């Protein structure tokens, strides 16, 4: 699992740096991607629901929506669940990881450079949420390898190895849940403070 965690973390770092570099040289692909992401955050659900909650001062509701969206869509459906397909699932997880890292690379530099609050908000959110996605991505790859290499899991049966991998994933998800909960609290509290300065 440590090797998988390192592998997924390196994918995020590499794709983030690629996105950051392309936005720093004003590559048309990076600029258009950043504009499209910014536009979708302001106009599409669940982002609009979260923003409206914050505008009404409903921090707990915004935190809950953010946490549930990041857990269900950001972690489970996109980076862990593809693992149910042997080997191909790993490619899905890797693709999502590279894409997500690139998106963060083209959008976050502006947030980090905006102000001291923006820097703290962006860096904290990035560390907590991406940390969770590193664990959920590694879990997806871990699951996809189980039926292919059952001996790695100490059994002969592919089905049994698959079940063992899911049990291990349940333990990994304790960390994912904690990181995403902390990330949602950090991000939503920071945005609320920016919207309503003290």
N, C-alpha and C. Protein backbone atom coordinates (compact mmCIF):
# COMPACT_ATOMS: atom_id res chain seq x y z
N UNK A 1 0.82 -1.20 0.00
CA UNK A 1 0.00 0.00 0.00
C UNK A 1 0.86 1.26 0.00
N UNK A 2 2.01 1.21 0.70
CA UNK A 2 2.87 2.40 0.74
C UNK A 2 3.34 2.79 -0.65
N UNK A 3 3.68 1.79 -1.46
CA UNK A 3 4.13 2.06 -2.82
C UNK A 3 3.00 2.69 -3.63
N UNK A 4 1.79 2.18 -3.46
CA UNK A 4 0.64 2.75 -4.17
C UNK A 4 0.37 4.18 -3.73
N UNK A 5 0.47 4.44 -2.43
CA UNK A 5 0.26 5.81 -1.93
C UNK A 5 1.30 6.75 -2.52
N UNK A 6 2.55 6.32 -2.54
CA UNK A 6 3.61 7.15 -3.12
C UNK A 6 3.38 7.37 -4.61
N UNK A 7 2.98 6.32 -5.31
CA UNK A 7 2.72 6.41 -6.75
C UNK A 7 1.61 7.42 -7.04
N UNK A 8 0.49 7.33 -6.32
CA UNK A 8 -0.63 8.26 -6.54
C UNK A 8 -0.22 9.68 -6.16
N UNK A 9 0.52 9.84 -5.07
CA UNK A 9 0.98 11.17 -4.67
C UNK A 9 1.88 11.78 -5.75
N UNK A 10 2.76 10.98 -6.33
CA UNK A 10 3.64 11.48 -7.39
C UNK A 10 2.86 11.85 -8.64
N UNK A 11 1.79 11.10 -8.94
CA UNK A 11 0.92 11.46 -10.07
C UNK A 11 0.30 12.82 -9.84
N UNK A 12 -0.20 13.06 -8.62
CA UNK A 12 -0.80 14.36 -8.30
C UNK A 12 0.23 15.48 -8.40
N UNK A 13 1.39 15.26 -7.83
CA UNK A 13 2.43 16.30 -7.84
C UNK A 13 2.85 16.62 -9.28
N UNK A 14 3.09 15.58 -10.07
CA UNK A 14 3.51 15.79 -11.46
C UNK A 14 2.47 16.50 -12.29
N UNK A 15 1.21 16.08 -12.18
CA UNK A 15 0.16 16.72 -12.98
C UNK A 15 -0.14 18.13 -12.47
N UNK A 16 -0.02 18.35 -11.15
CA UNK A 16 -0.19 19.70 -10.61
C UNK A 16 0.89 20.62 -11.16
N UNK A 17 2.13 20.16 -11.13
CA UNK A 17 3.23 20.99 -11.63
C UNK A 17 3.08 21.26 -13.13
N UNK A 18 2.60 20.28 -13.89
CA UNK A 18 2.36 20.49 -15.32
C UNK A 18 1.29 21.57 -15.52
N UNK A 19 0.19 21.49 -14.76
CA UNK A 19 -0.86 22.50 -14.86
C UNK A 19 -0.36 23.87 -14.45
N UNK A 20 0.39 23.91 -13.34
CA UNK A 20 0.95 25.18 -12.85
C UNK A 20 1.88 25.80 -13.89
N UNK A 21 2.74 24.98 -14.48
CA UNK A 21 3.67 25.50 -15.50
C UNK A 21 2.90 26.04 -16.70
N UNK A 22 1.91 25.28 -17.18
CA UNK A 22 1.16 25.70 -18.37
C UNK A 22 0.37 26.99 -18.10
N UNK A 23 -0.17 27.15 -16.89
CA UNK A 23 -0.90 28.38 -16.59
C UNK A 23 0.08 29.54 -16.42
N UNK A 24 1.28 29.26 -15.91
CA UNK A 24 2.27 30.33 -15.72
C UNK A 24 2.78 30.88 -17.05
N UNK A 25 2.76 30.06 -18.11
CA UNK A 25 3.18 30.55 -19.44
C UNK A 25 1.98 30.92 -20.30
N UNK A 26 0.80 30.95 -19.66
CA UNK A 26 -0.46 31.33 -20.33
C UNK A 26 -0.76 30.45 -21.54
N UNK A 27 -0.54 29.16 -21.38
CA UNK A 27 -0.90 28.21 -22.44
C UNK A 27 -2.41 28.29 -22.68
N UNK A 28 -2.84 28.37 -23.94
CA UNK A 28 -4.27 28.47 -24.22
C UNK A 28 -5.09 27.33 -23.61
N UNK A 29 -4.55 26.12 -23.63
CA UNK A 29 -5.26 24.98 -23.05
C UNK A 29 -5.48 25.19 -21.55
N UNK A 30 -4.44 25.63 -20.86
CA UNK A 30 -4.54 25.84 -19.41
C UNK A 30 -5.46 27.01 -19.08
N UNK A 31 -5.36 28.09 -19.83
CA UNK A 31 -6.21 29.27 -19.58
C UNK A 31 -7.68 28.93 -19.82
N UNK A 32 -7.97 28.26 -20.93
CA UNK A 32 -9.36 27.87 -21.23
C UNK A 32 -9.90 26.91 -20.19
N UNK A 33 -9.07 25.97 -19.74
CA UNK A 33 -9.50 25.02 -18.71
C UNK A 33 -9.80 25.74 -17.41
N UNK A 34 -8.94 26.67 -17.00
CA UNK A 34 -9.16 27.42 -15.76
C UNK A 34 -10.44 28.24 -15.85
N UNK A 35 -10.69 28.87 -17.01
CA UNK A 35 -11.91 29.66 -17.18
C UNK A 35 -13.16 28.77 -17.14
N UNK A 36 -13.07 27.61 -17.76
CA UNK A 36 -14.22 26.69 -17.75
C UNK A 36 -14.52 26.20 -16.34
N UNK A 37 -13.48 25.89 -15.58
CA UNK A 37 -13.67 25.43 -14.19
C UNK A 37 -14.27 26.54 -13.35
N UNK A 38 -13.74 27.75 -13.47
CA UNK A 38 -14.27 28.88 -12.70
C UNK A 38 -15.72 29.13 -13.05
N UNK A 39 -16.06 29.04 -14.32
CA UNK A 39 -17.45 29.23 -14.74
C UNK A 39 -18.38 28.17 -14.18
N UNK A 40 -17.92 26.92 -14.16
CA UNK A 40 -18.78 25.84 -13.66
C UNK A 40 -18.99 25.95 -12.16
N UNK A 41 -17.99 26.44 -11.43
CA UNK A 41 -18.13 26.61 -9.98
C UNK A 41 -19.21 27.63 -9.66
N UNK A 42 -19.34 28.63 -10.50
CA UNK A 42 -20.32 29.70 -10.25
C UNK A 42 -21.72 29.38 -10.78
N UNK A 43 -21.84 28.37 -11.65
CA UNK A 43 -23.14 28.14 -12.30
C UNK A 43 -23.72 26.74 -12.14
N UNK A 44 -22.97 25.78 -11.67
CA UNK A 44 -23.46 24.39 -11.65
C UNK A 44 -23.63 23.87 -10.22
N UNK A 45 -24.62 22.98 -10.08
CA UNK A 45 -24.85 22.29 -8.83
C UNK A 45 -23.76 21.23 -8.69
N UNK A 46 -23.23 20.95 -7.53
CA UNK A 46 -23.60 21.36 -6.18
C UNK A 46 -22.93 22.65 -5.73
N UNK A 47 -22.07 23.21 -6.61
CA UNK A 47 -21.32 24.40 -6.20
C UNK A 47 -22.24 25.57 -5.88
N UNK A 48 -23.28 25.76 -6.70
CA UNK A 48 -24.20 26.87 -6.44
C UNK A 48 -24.92 26.69 -5.11
N UNK A 49 -25.28 25.47 -4.78
CA UNK A 49 -25.94 25.18 -3.50
C UNK A 49 -25.02 25.52 -2.33
N UNK A 50 -23.76 25.16 -2.46
CA UNK A 50 -22.77 25.44 -1.41
C UNK A 50 -22.57 26.94 -1.26
N UNK A 51 -22.42 27.64 -2.39
CA UNK A 51 -22.21 29.09 -2.35
C UNK A 51 -23.42 29.79 -1.73
N UNK A 52 -24.62 29.35 -2.10
CA UNK A 52 -25.83 29.96 -1.52
C UNK A 52 -25.89 29.72 -0.01
N UNK A 53 -25.51 28.54 0.43
CA UNK A 53 -25.48 28.25 1.87
C UNK A 53 -24.53 29.20 2.58
N UNK A 54 -23.36 29.41 2.00
CA UNK A 54 -22.38 30.31 2.61
C UNK A 54 -22.88 31.75 2.62
N UNK A 55 -23.53 32.17 1.54
CA UNK A 55 -24.05 33.53 1.48
C UNK A 55 -25.12 33.78 2.54
N UNK A 56 -25.86 32.73 2.89
CA UNK A 56 -26.87 32.84 3.95
C UNK A 56 -26.27 32.64 5.34
N UNK A 57 -24.96 32.36 5.39
CA UNK A 57 -24.29 32.15 6.68
C UNK A 57 -24.51 30.77 7.26
N UNK A 58 -24.94 29.82 6.44
CA UNK A 58 -25.22 28.46 6.90
C UNK A 58 -23.96 27.59 6.72
N UNK A 59 -23.01 27.81 7.60
CA UNK A 59 -21.72 27.15 7.50
C UNK A 59 -21.83 25.64 7.62
N UNK A 60 -22.61 25.16 8.58
CA UNK A 60 -22.72 23.71 8.79
C UNK A 60 -23.27 23.02 7.55
N UNK A 61 -24.28 23.63 6.94
CA UNK A 61 -24.86 23.05 5.73
C UNK A 61 -23.85 23.04 4.59
N UNK A 62 -23.08 24.12 4.43
CA UNK A 62 -22.06 24.19 3.38
C UNK A 62 -20.98 23.14 3.61
N UNK A 63 -20.56 22.98 4.86
CA UNK A 63 -19.54 21.98 5.19
C UNK A 63 -20.08 20.58 4.88
N UNK A 64 -21.32 20.31 5.26
CA UNK A 64 -21.91 18.99 5.03
C UNK A 64 -22.03 18.69 3.54
N UNK A 65 -22.53 19.64 2.75
CA UNK A 65 -22.64 19.43 1.30
C UNK A 65 -21.27 19.19 0.68
N UNK A 66 -20.29 20.00 1.08
CA UNK A 66 -18.94 19.86 0.53
C UNK A 66 -18.35 18.50 0.88
N UNK A 67 -18.48 18.12 2.15
CA UNK A 67 -17.95 16.84 2.60
C UNK A 67 -18.59 15.68 1.84
N UNK A 68 -19.92 15.68 1.76
CA UNK A 68 -20.62 14.57 1.09
C UNK A 68 -20.29 14.51 -0.40
N UNK A 69 -20.22 15.67 -1.05
CA UNK A 69 -19.87 15.69 -2.47
C UNK A 69 -18.46 15.17 -2.69
N UNK A 70 -17.51 15.65 -1.89
CA UNK A 70 -16.12 15.21 -2.04
C UNK A 70 -15.95 13.73 -1.72
N UNK A 71 -16.68 13.24 -0.71
CA UNK A 71 -16.58 11.82 -0.36
C UNK A 71 -17.19 10.94 -1.44
N UNK A 72 -18.42 11.27 -1.85
CA UNK A 72 -19.13 10.42 -2.82
C UNK A 72 -18.52 10.52 -4.21
N UNK A 73 -18.45 11.74 -4.72
CA UNK A 73 -18.01 11.93 -6.10
C UNK A 73 -16.49 12.04 -6.22
N UNK A 74 -15.89 12.87 -5.38
CA UNK A 74 -14.45 13.09 -5.48
C UNK A 74 -13.61 11.88 -5.12
N UNK A 75 -14.01 11.16 -4.09
CA UNK A 75 -13.20 10.02 -3.64
C UNK A 75 -13.75 8.69 -4.13
N UNK A 76 -14.96 8.33 -3.70
CA UNK A 76 -15.43 6.97 -3.94
C UNK A 76 -15.73 6.67 -5.41
N UNK A 77 -16.61 7.45 -6.03
CA UNK A 77 -17.06 7.13 -7.39
C UNK A 77 -15.96 7.28 -8.44
N UNK A 78 -15.08 8.25 -8.26
CA UNK A 78 -14.10 8.52 -9.32
C UNK A 78 -12.74 7.86 -9.12
N UNK A 79 -12.33 7.62 -7.87
CA UNK A 79 -10.98 7.06 -7.70
C UNK A 79 -10.94 5.69 -7.05
N UNK A 80 -11.99 5.31 -6.32
CA UNK A 80 -11.97 3.99 -5.68
C UNK A 80 -12.82 2.98 -6.45
N UNK A 81 -14.04 3.34 -6.78
CA UNK A 81 -14.97 2.40 -7.42
C UNK A 81 -14.46 1.85 -8.76
N UNK A 82 -13.73 2.61 -9.57
CA UNK A 82 -13.21 2.01 -10.80
C UNK A 82 -12.37 0.75 -10.53
N UNK A 83 -11.88 0.59 -9.30
CA UNK A 83 -11.09 -0.57 -8.94
C UNK A 83 -11.82 -1.90 -9.05
N UNK A 84 -13.15 -1.88 -9.20
CA UNK A 84 -13.88 -3.15 -9.34
C UNK A 84 -13.58 -3.83 -10.67
N UNK A 85 -13.02 -3.09 -11.62
CA UNK A 85 -12.67 -3.67 -12.92
C UNK A 85 -11.17 -4.00 -12.89
N UNK A 86 -10.82 -5.28 -12.92
CA UNK A 86 -9.41 -5.65 -12.85
C UNK A 86 -8.56 -4.94 -13.91
N UNK A 87 -7.45 -4.42 -13.50
CA UNK A 87 -6.45 -3.69 -14.30
C UNK A 87 -7.00 -2.43 -14.96
N UNK A 88 -8.09 -2.52 -15.71
CA UNK A 88 -8.65 -1.35 -16.39
C UNK A 88 -9.05 -0.29 -15.37
N UNK A 89 -9.53 -0.74 -14.22
CA UNK A 89 -9.90 0.20 -13.16
C UNK A 89 -8.74 1.05 -12.71
N UNK A 90 -7.55 0.48 -12.70
CA UNK A 90 -6.36 1.25 -12.33
C UNK A 90 -6.11 2.37 -13.32
N UNK A 91 -6.34 2.10 -14.61
CA UNK A 91 -6.17 3.14 -15.63
C UNK A 91 -7.17 4.27 -15.42
N UNK A 92 -8.40 3.92 -15.03
CA UNK A 92 -9.41 4.94 -14.74
C UNK A 92 -8.99 5.81 -13.56
N UNK A 93 -8.52 5.18 -12.51
CA UNK A 93 -8.06 5.92 -11.33
C UNK A 93 -6.87 6.81 -11.66
N UNK A 94 -5.94 6.29 -12.43
CA UNK A 94 -4.76 7.08 -12.82
C UNK A 94 -5.17 8.27 -13.68
N UNK A 95 -6.10 8.05 -14.62
CA UNK A 95 -6.56 9.13 -15.49
C UNK A 95 -7.23 10.24 -14.68
N UNK A 96 -8.12 9.86 -13.76
CA UNK A 96 -8.80 10.85 -12.91
C UNK A 96 -7.78 11.60 -12.06
N UNK A 97 -6.81 10.89 -11.53
CA UNK A 97 -5.77 11.51 -10.70
C UNK A 97 -4.98 12.54 -11.50
N UNK A 98 -4.56 12.18 -12.69
CA UNK A 98 -3.80 13.11 -13.53
C UNK A 98 -4.64 14.32 -13.91
N UNK A 99 -5.89 14.10 -14.26
CA UNK A 99 -6.78 15.19 -14.63
C UNK A 99 -7.03 16.13 -13.44
N UNK A 100 -7.32 15.55 -12.28
CA UNK A 100 -7.59 16.36 -11.08
C UNK A 100 -6.35 17.18 -10.69
N UNK A 101 -5.19 16.56 -10.72
CA UNK A 101 -3.97 17.29 -10.40
C UNK A 101 -3.73 18.45 -11.37
N UNK A 102 -3.99 18.20 -12.67
CA UNK A 102 -3.83 19.25 -13.68
C UNK A 102 -4.81 20.40 -13.42
N UNK A 103 -6.07 20.06 -13.12
CA UNK A 103 -7.09 21.09 -12.84
C UNK A 103 -6.67 21.95 -11.66
N UNK A 104 -6.18 21.33 -10.62
CA UNK A 104 -5.74 22.08 -9.44
C UNK A 104 -4.52 22.94 -9.80
N UNK A 105 -3.66 22.41 -10.65
CA UNK A 105 -2.49 23.17 -11.08
C UNK A 105 -2.83 24.42 -11.87
N UNK A 106 -3.93 24.39 -12.65
CA UNK A 106 -4.29 25.57 -13.43
C UNK A 106 -5.20 26.54 -12.66
N UNK A 107 -5.85 26.08 -11.60
CA UNK A 107 -6.78 26.96 -10.87
C UNK A 107 -6.23 27.49 -9.56
N UNK A 108 -5.44 26.71 -8.85
CA UNK A 108 -5.00 27.12 -7.52
C UNK A 108 -3.92 28.19 -7.46
N UNK A 109 -3.03 28.31 -8.45
CA UNK A 109 -2.02 29.37 -8.34
C UNK A 109 -2.63 30.76 -8.15
N UNK A 110 -3.75 31.04 -8.80
CA UNK A 110 -4.41 32.34 -8.64
C UNK A 110 -4.94 32.51 -7.22
N UNK A 111 -5.50 31.44 -6.65
CA UNK A 111 -6.00 31.49 -5.27
C UNK A 111 -4.84 31.69 -4.30
N UNK A 112 -3.77 30.94 -4.50
CA UNK A 112 -2.61 31.02 -3.60
C UNK A 112 -1.94 32.39 -3.65
N UNK A 113 -2.00 33.05 -4.81
CA UNK A 113 -1.34 34.35 -4.95
C UNK A 113 -2.25 35.51 -4.59
N UNK A 114 -3.54 35.25 -4.34
CA UNK A 114 -4.51 36.33 -4.14
C UNK A 114 -4.26 37.14 -2.87
N UNK A 115 -3.96 36.47 -1.76
CA UNK A 115 -3.74 37.15 -0.47
C UNK A 115 -3.20 36.12 0.52
N UNK A 116 -2.88 36.59 1.72
CA UNK A 116 -2.43 35.67 2.76
C UNK A 116 -3.54 34.70 3.12
N UNK A 117 -4.78 35.21 3.19
CA UNK A 117 -5.93 34.35 3.49
C UNK A 117 -6.14 33.34 2.36
N UNK A 118 -6.05 33.82 1.12
CA UNK A 118 -6.20 32.93 -0.03
C UNK A 118 -5.13 31.85 -0.05
N UNK A 119 -3.90 32.24 0.30
CA UNK A 119 -2.81 31.26 0.35
C UNK A 119 -3.09 30.19 1.40
N UNK A 120 -3.46 30.62 2.62
CA UNK A 120 -3.74 29.65 3.70
C UNK A 120 -4.93 28.78 3.35
N UNK A 121 -5.97 29.40 2.81
CA UNK A 121 -7.18 28.66 2.43
C UNK A 121 -6.87 27.63 1.34
N UNK A 122 -6.18 28.08 0.29
CA UNK A 122 -5.87 27.19 -0.82
C UNK A 122 -4.92 26.07 -0.45
N UNK A 123 -3.86 26.41 0.29
CA UNK A 123 -2.87 25.40 0.66
C UNK A 123 -3.47 24.36 1.61
N UNK A 124 -4.21 24.82 2.62
CA UNK A 124 -4.84 23.89 3.56
C UNK A 124 -5.82 22.96 2.88
N UNK A 125 -6.65 23.54 2.01
CA UNK A 125 -7.64 22.73 1.27
C UNK A 125 -6.93 21.72 0.38
N UNK A 126 -5.90 22.17 -0.31
CA UNK A 126 -5.18 21.30 -1.22
C UNK A 126 -4.54 20.13 -0.47
N UNK A 127 -3.92 20.41 0.65
CA UNK A 127 -3.25 19.35 1.41
C UNK A 127 -4.26 18.35 1.95
N UNK A 128 -5.34 18.82 2.55
CA UNK A 128 -6.32 17.92 3.16
C UNK A 128 -7.09 17.12 2.12
N UNK A 129 -7.63 17.81 1.11
CA UNK A 129 -8.44 17.11 0.11
C UNK A 129 -7.60 16.20 -0.78
N UNK A 130 -6.46 16.72 -1.24
CA UNK A 130 -5.62 15.85 -2.08
C UNK A 130 -5.05 14.69 -1.28
N UNK A 131 -4.79 14.92 0.00
CA UNK A 131 -4.36 13.81 0.85
C UNK A 131 -5.40 12.70 0.87
N UNK A 132 -6.66 13.10 1.00
CA UNK A 132 -7.75 12.12 0.98
C UNK A 132 -7.82 11.41 -0.36
N UNK A 133 -7.66 12.17 -1.45
CA UNK A 133 -7.75 11.56 -2.78
C UNK A 133 -6.56 10.65 -3.08
N UNK A 134 -5.42 10.93 -2.47
CA UNK A 134 -4.28 10.01 -2.61
C UNK A 134 -4.64 8.66 -2.00
N UNK A 135 -5.24 8.69 -0.80
CA UNK A 135 -5.64 7.44 -0.15
C UNK A 135 -6.74 6.73 -0.94
N UNK A 136 -7.75 7.47 -1.42
CA UNK A 136 -8.85 6.81 -2.15
C UNK A 136 -8.36 6.28 -3.49
N UNK A 137 -7.43 6.99 -4.13
CA UNK A 137 -6.87 6.50 -5.40
C UNK A 137 -6.02 5.25 -5.20
N UNK A 138 -5.20 5.26 -4.16
CA UNK A 138 -4.39 4.07 -3.86
C UNK A 138 -5.30 2.89 -3.54
N UNK A 139 -6.41 3.14 -2.84
CA UNK A 139 -7.36 2.07 -2.53
C UNK A 139 -7.97 1.50 -3.81
N UNK A 140 -8.29 2.37 -4.78
CA UNK A 140 -8.83 1.90 -6.06
C UNK A 140 -7.87 1.00 -6.80
N UNK A 141 -6.60 1.39 -6.83
CA UNK A 141 -5.59 0.57 -7.51
C UNK A 141 -5.37 -0.72 -6.73
N UNK A 142 -5.39 -0.64 -5.42
CA UNK A 142 -5.24 -1.82 -4.56
C UNK A 142 -6.33 -2.84 -4.86
N UNK A 143 -7.57 -2.37 -5.00
CA UNK A 143 -8.70 -3.26 -5.29
C UNK A 143 -8.55 -3.89 -6.67
N UNK A 144 -8.15 -3.09 -7.65
CA UNK A 144 -8.07 -3.60 -9.01
C UNK A 144 -6.98 -4.65 -9.18
N UNK A 145 -5.96 -4.60 -8.33
CA UNK A 145 -4.88 -5.59 -8.42
C UNK A 145 -5.23 -6.91 -7.73
N UNK A 146 -6.19 -6.89 -6.82
CA UNK A 146 -6.51 -8.08 -6.01
C UNK A 146 -6.84 -9.32 -6.84
N UNK A 147 -7.78 -9.25 -7.79
CA UNK A 147 -8.08 -10.47 -8.55
C UNK A 147 -6.98 -10.87 -9.52
N UNK A 148 -6.11 -9.94 -9.87
CA UNK A 148 -5.04 -10.23 -10.81
C UNK A 148 -3.87 -10.92 -10.10
N UNK A 149 -3.60 -10.49 -8.86
CA UNK A 149 -2.48 -11.05 -8.09
C UNK A 149 -2.95 -11.49 -6.70
N UNK A 150 -3.75 -12.54 -6.61
CA UNK A 150 -4.31 -12.93 -5.31
C UNK A 150 -3.25 -13.36 -4.29
N UNK A 151 -2.13 -13.88 -4.74
CA UNK A 151 -1.08 -14.32 -3.81
C UNK A 151 -0.51 -13.15 -3.02
N UNK A 152 -0.55 -11.99 -3.63
CA UNK A 152 -0.09 -10.77 -2.94
C UNK A 152 -0.91 -10.53 -1.67
N UNK A 153 -2.11 -11.04 -1.66
CA UNK A 153 -3.03 -10.87 -0.52
C UNK A 153 -3.06 -12.11 0.38
N UNK A 154 -2.15 -13.05 0.10
CA UNK A 154 -2.00 -14.22 0.94
C UNK A 154 -3.03 -15.31 0.72
N UNK A 155 -3.69 -15.31 -0.45
CA UNK A 155 -4.70 -16.33 -0.76
C UNK A 155 -4.52 -16.80 -2.20
N UNK A 156 -5.19 -17.89 -2.52
CA UNK A 156 -5.16 -18.41 -3.88
C UNK A 156 -6.37 -17.93 -4.70
N UNK A 157 -7.49 -17.74 -4.03
CA UNK A 157 -8.74 -17.39 -4.69
C UNK A 157 -8.76 -15.91 -5.06
N UNK A 158 -9.11 -15.64 -6.31
CA UNK A 158 -9.22 -14.25 -6.77
C UNK A 158 -10.37 -13.53 -6.07
N UNK A 159 -11.48 -14.22 -5.89
CA UNK A 159 -12.63 -13.62 -5.22
C UNK A 159 -12.30 -13.27 -3.76
N UNK A 160 -11.60 -14.18 -3.10
CA UNK A 160 -11.23 -13.92 -1.70
C UNK A 160 -10.26 -12.74 -1.60
N UNK A 161 -9.31 -12.66 -2.54
CA UNK A 161 -8.39 -11.52 -2.55
C UNK A 161 -9.15 -10.21 -2.77
N UNK A 162 -10.15 -10.24 -3.64
CA UNK A 162 -10.98 -9.07 -3.92
C UNK A 162 -11.72 -8.62 -2.66
N UNK A 163 -12.25 -9.59 -1.90
CA UNK A 163 -12.96 -9.26 -0.66
C UNK A 163 -11.99 -8.70 0.40
N UNK A 164 -10.80 -9.27 0.48
CA UNK A 164 -9.80 -8.77 1.42
C UNK A 164 -9.44 -7.32 1.08
N UNK A 165 -9.28 -7.04 -0.21
CA UNK A 165 -8.94 -5.69 -0.64
C UNK A 165 -10.03 -4.69 -0.23
N UNK A 166 -11.30 -5.10 -0.33
CA UNK A 166 -12.39 -4.20 0.08
C UNK A 166 -12.40 -3.98 1.59
N UNK A 167 -12.05 -5.01 2.35
CA UNK A 167 -11.96 -4.83 3.81
C UNK A 167 -10.85 -3.85 4.16
N UNK A 168 -9.71 -3.98 3.48
CA UNK A 168 -8.62 -3.05 3.71
C UNK A 168 -9.01 -1.63 3.29
N UNK A 169 -9.77 -1.53 2.21
CA UNK A 169 -10.23 -0.23 1.73
C UNK A 169 -11.14 0.43 2.76
N UNK A 170 -11.97 -0.35 3.42
CA UNK A 170 -12.85 0.21 4.45
C UNK A 170 -12.02 0.87 5.56
N UNK A 171 -10.90 0.25 5.91
CA UNK A 171 -10.02 0.84 6.93
C UNK A 171 -9.34 2.11 6.39
N UNK A 172 -8.96 2.09 5.13
CA UNK A 172 -8.33 3.26 4.51
C UNK A 172 -9.33 4.42 4.49
N UNK A 173 -10.61 4.10 4.30
CA UNK A 173 -11.61 5.15 4.19
C UNK A 173 -11.85 5.90 5.50
N UNK A 174 -11.41 5.35 6.60
CA UNK A 174 -11.47 6.10 7.85
C UNK A 174 -10.59 7.34 7.71
N UNK A 175 -9.41 7.17 7.13
CA UNK A 175 -8.49 8.30 6.91
C UNK A 175 -9.08 9.26 5.88
N UNK A 176 -9.66 8.71 4.81
CA UNK A 176 -10.28 9.53 3.77
C UNK A 176 -11.38 10.41 4.36
N UNK A 177 -12.25 9.81 5.17
CA UNK A 177 -13.36 10.55 5.79
C UNK A 177 -12.82 11.66 6.69
N UNK A 178 -11.84 11.35 7.51
CA UNK A 178 -11.28 12.36 8.42
C UNK A 178 -10.67 13.52 7.64
N UNK A 179 -9.86 13.22 6.62
CA UNK A 179 -9.22 14.28 5.83
C UNK A 179 -10.25 15.12 5.08
N UNK A 180 -11.27 14.47 4.50
CA UNK A 180 -12.28 15.24 3.77
C UNK A 180 -13.15 16.07 4.70
N UNK A 181 -13.43 15.56 5.89
CA UNK A 181 -14.20 16.35 6.86
C UNK A 181 -13.41 17.58 7.28
N UNK A 182 -12.14 17.39 7.60
CA UNK A 182 -11.29 18.53 7.98
C UNK A 182 -11.13 19.50 6.81
N UNK A 183 -11.00 18.96 5.59
CA UNK A 183 -10.88 19.81 4.41
C UNK A 183 -12.12 20.64 4.17
N UNK A 184 -13.30 20.03 4.34
CA UNK A 184 -14.56 20.77 4.15
C UNK A 184 -14.70 21.87 5.19
N UNK A 185 -14.37 21.56 6.43
CA UNK A 185 -14.45 22.57 7.50
C UNK A 185 -13.48 23.72 7.20
N UNK A 186 -12.25 23.38 6.86
CA UNK A 186 -11.23 24.39 6.57
C UNK A 186 -11.65 25.28 5.40
N UNK A 187 -12.05 24.63 4.29
CA UNK A 187 -12.38 25.36 3.07
C UNK A 187 -13.62 26.24 3.26
N UNK A 188 -14.68 25.69 3.80
CA UNK A 188 -15.92 26.45 3.93
C UNK A 188 -15.80 27.57 4.97
N UNK A 189 -15.09 27.32 6.05
CA UNK A 189 -14.88 28.38 7.05
C UNK A 189 -14.06 29.51 6.44
N UNK A 190 -13.03 29.16 5.70
CA UNK A 190 -12.20 30.17 5.03
C UNK A 190 -12.99 30.98 4.02
N UNK A 191 -13.79 30.32 3.20
CA UNK A 191 -14.59 31.05 2.21
C UNK A 191 -15.61 31.94 2.89
N UNK A 192 -16.23 31.45 3.95
CA UNK A 192 -17.19 32.27 4.69
C UNK A 192 -16.52 33.51 5.26
N UNK A 193 -15.32 33.37 5.79
CA UNK A 193 -14.61 34.52 6.32
C UNK A 193 -14.25 35.52 5.23
N UNK A 194 -13.96 35.01 4.01
CA UNK A 194 -13.68 35.90 2.91
C UNK A 194 -14.95 36.62 2.47
N UNK A 195 -16.07 35.88 2.43
CA UNK A 195 -17.36 36.49 2.04
C UNK A 195 -17.85 37.48 3.09
N UNK A 196 -17.61 37.17 4.37
CA UNK A 196 -18.08 38.01 5.47
C UNK A 196 -16.91 38.31 6.38
N UNK A 197 -16.06 39.22 6.01
CA UNK A 197 -14.88 39.50 6.85
C UNK A 197 -15.29 39.93 8.25
N UNK A 198 -14.48 39.52 9.24
CA UNK A 198 -14.75 39.86 10.63
C UNK A 198 -14.35 41.31 10.87
